[in-house]
C-alpha atoms as a PDB file:
ATOM      1  CA  MET A   1      29.632   4.758 -12.026  1.00  0.00           C
ATOM      2  CA  LYS A   2      29.167   3.778 -15.667  1.00  0.00           C
ATOM      3  CA  SER A   3      27.139   6.152 -17.768  1.00  0.00           C
ATOM      4  CA  ARG A   4      23.956   5.171 -19.677  1.00  0.00           C
ATOM      5  CA  ILE A   5      23.318   1.921 -17.735  1.00  0.00           C
ATOM      6  CA  HIS A   6      21.375   3.296 -14.765  1.00  0.00           C
ATOM      7  CA  PRO A   7      17.733   4.405 -14.953  1.00  0.00           C
ATOM      8  CA  ASP A   8      16.912   8.075 -14.447  1.00  0.00           C
ATOM      9  CA  SER A   9      15.986   8.987 -10.889  1.00  0.00           C
ATOM     10  CA  ARG A  10      13.380  11.731 -10.472  1.00  0.00           C
ATOM     11  CA  PHE A  11      11.027  13.117  -7.862  1.00  0.00           C
ATOM     12  CA  VAL A  12       7.734  11.175  -7.754  1.00  0.00           C
ATOM     13  CA  VAL A  13       4.650  11.492  -5.537  1.00  0.00           C
ATOM     14  CA  PHE A  14       3.349   8.190  -4.155  1.00  0.00           C
ATOM     15  CA  ARG A  15      -0.271   8.532  -3.045  1.00  0.00           C
ATOM     16  CA  ASP A  16      -1.708   5.946  -0.623  1.00  0.00           C
ATOM     17  CA  ARG A  17      -5.430   5.594  -1.332  1.00  0.00           C
ATOM     18  CA  ALA A  18      -6.233   3.684   1.868  1.00  0.00           C
ATOM     19  CA  ALA A  19      -4.755   6.268   4.249  1.00  0.00           C
ATOM     20  CA  ASP A  20      -5.251   9.347   2.037  1.00  0.00           C
ATOM     21  CA  VAL A  21      -1.560  10.267   2.418  1.00  0.00           C
ATOM     22  CA  ALA A  22       0.982  11.333  -0.199  1.00  0.00           C
ATOM     23  CA  PHE A  23       4.789  11.082  -0.121  1.00  0.00           C
ATOM     24  CA  LEU A  24       7.279  12.950  -2.283  1.00  0.00           C
ATOM     25  CA  THR A  25      10.430  10.916  -2.837  1.00  0.00           C
ATOM     26  CA  ARG A  26      12.979  10.059  -5.501  1.00  0.00           C
ATOM     27  CA  SER A  27      12.278   7.024  -7.657  1.00  0.00           C
ATOM     28  CA  THR A  28      13.003   5.514 -11.049  1.00  0.00           C
ATOM     29  CA  ALA A  29       9.280   4.808 -11.525  1.00  0.00           C
ATOM     30  CA  ASP A  30       7.425   7.098 -13.907  1.00  0.00           C
ATOM     31  CA  SER A  31       3.798   7.911 -14.567  1.00  0.00           C
ATOM     32  CA  SER A  32       1.889   9.845 -17.192  1.00  0.00           C
ATOM     33  CA  ARG A  33      -0.407  11.334 -14.523  1.00  0.00           C
ATOM     34  CA  THR A  34       0.813  14.371 -12.614  1.00  0.00           C
ATOM     35  CA  VAL A  35      -0.106  16.283  -9.472  1.00  0.00           C
ATOM     36  CA  GLU A  36       0.802  19.720  -8.170  1.00  0.00           C
ATOM     37  CA  TRP A  37       2.717  19.348  -4.903  1.00  0.00           C
ATOM     38  CA  GLU A  38       2.771  21.685  -1.891  1.00  0.00           C
ATOM     39  CA  ASP A  39       5.875  23.476  -3.200  1.00  0.00           C
ATOM     40  CA  GLY A  40       4.046  24.523  -6.391  1.00  0.00           C
ATOM     41  CA  ASN A  41       5.920  22.118  -8.698  1.00  0.00           C
ATOM     42  CA  THR A  42       4.256  19.408 -10.771  1.00  0.00           C
ATOM     43  CA  TYR A  43       5.422  15.813 -10.256  1.00  0.00           C
ATOM     44  CA  PRO A  44       4.388  12.400 -11.613  1.00  0.00           C
ATOM     45  CA  VAL A  45       1.966  10.636  -9.252  1.00  0.00           C
ATOM     46  CA  ILE A  46       1.690   6.887  -8.610  1.00  0.00           C
ATOM     47  CA  ASP A  47      -1.279   5.520  -6.647  1.00  0.00           C
ATOM     48  CA  VAL A  48      -0.505   2.653  -4.285  1.00  0.00           C
ATOM     49  CA  GLU A  49      -2.846   0.440  -2.282  1.00  0.00           C
ATOM     50  CA  VAL A  50      -0.662   0.021   0.807  1.00  0.00           C
ATOM     51  CA  SER A  51       2.171   2.069   2.271  1.00  0.00           C
ATOM     52  CA  SER A  52       3.699   2.528   5.699  1.00  0.00           C
ATOM     53  CA  ALA A  53       0.814   4.881   6.528  1.00  0.00           C
ATOM     54  CA  SER A  54      -1.829   2.173   6.079  1.00  0.00           C
ATOM     55  CA  HIS A  55      -0.045  -1.171   6.550  1.00  0.00           C
ATOM     56  CA  PRO A  56      -1.083  -2.931   9.802  1.00  0.00           C
ATOM     57  CA  PHE A  57       2.513  -3.771  10.706  1.00  0.00           C
ATOM     58  CA  TYR A  58       3.538  -0.104  10.766  1.00  0.00           C
ATOM     59  CA  THR A  59       0.302   1.322  12.184  1.00  0.00           C
ATOM     60  CA  GLY A  60      -0.123  -1.268  14.943  1.00  0.00           C
ATOM     61  CA  ARG A  61      -3.691  -2.030  13.869  1.00  0.00           C
ATOM     62  CA  SER A  62      -4.210  -5.639  12.930  1.00  0.00           C
ATOM     63  CA  ARG A  63      -7.069  -6.673  10.708  1.00  0.00           C
ATOM     64  CA  VAL A  64      -8.514 -10.125  10.288  1.00  0.00           C
ATOM     65  CA  LEU A  65      -8.962 -10.866   6.618  1.00  0.00           C
ATOM     66  CA  ASP A  66     -10.870 -13.982   5.731  1.00  0.00           C
ATOM     67  CA  SER A  67     -10.311 -15.029   2.162  1.00  0.00           C
ATOM     68  CA  ALA A  68     -11.989 -18.102   0.715  1.00  0.00           C
ATOM     69  CA  GLY A  69     -13.630 -19.082   4.019  1.00  0.00           C
ATOM     70  CA  ARG A  70     -10.442 -20.089   5.790  1.00  0.00           C
ATOM     71  CA  VAL A  71     -11.844 -19.347   9.236  1.00  0.00           C
ATOM     72  CA  GLU A  72     -14.942 -21.450   8.548  1.00  0.00           C
ATOM     73  CA  ARG A  73     -12.816 -24.288   7.172  1.00  0.00           C
ATOM     74  CA  PHE A  74     -10.614 -24.161  10.287  1.00  0.00           C
ATOM     75  CA  GLU A  75     -13.678 -24.222  12.551  1.00  0.00           C
ATOM     76  CA  ARG A  76     -15.180 -27.189  10.676  1.00  0.00           C
ATOM     77  CA  ARG A  77     -11.922 -29.078  10.823  1.00  0.00           C
ATOM     78  CA  TYR A  78     -11.341 -28.556  14.543  1.00  0.00           C
ATOM     79  CA  GLY A  79     -14.926 -28.733  15.762  1.00  0.00           C
ATOM     80  CA  ARG A  80     -15.841 -25.210  16.791  1.00  0.00           C
ATOM     81  CA  THR A  81     -19.579 -24.716  16.278  1.00  0.00           C
ATOM     82  CA  ALA A  82     -21.814 -21.701  15.860  1.00  0.00           C
ATOM     83  CA  ALA A  83     -23.330 -22.359  19.312  1.00  0.00           C
ATOM     84  CA  ALA A  84     -19.905 -22.132  20.944  1.00  0.00           C
ATOM     85  CA  ARG A  85     -19.325 -18.690  19.410  1.00  0.00           C
ATOM     86  CA  GLY A  86     -22.353 -17.343  21.191  1.00  0.00           C
END
């Protein structure tokens, strides 16, 4: 392996805000914020929105997200009415 061309790998805590779970792993990512881990050492912490602990594919929980009225647009296009939802 050539020297000085690879980024430094260090221990980093990734904290999933949605599931309130934290993972300690090695990464080249760095952060100025730190957290004290269970082993008593201080590590950089990176907050993430989605991880395997909160992603619907890994948890088996599917969520219906409607952005920009796509469901309503589909219903208007294909004729489903509010009375049929009943």
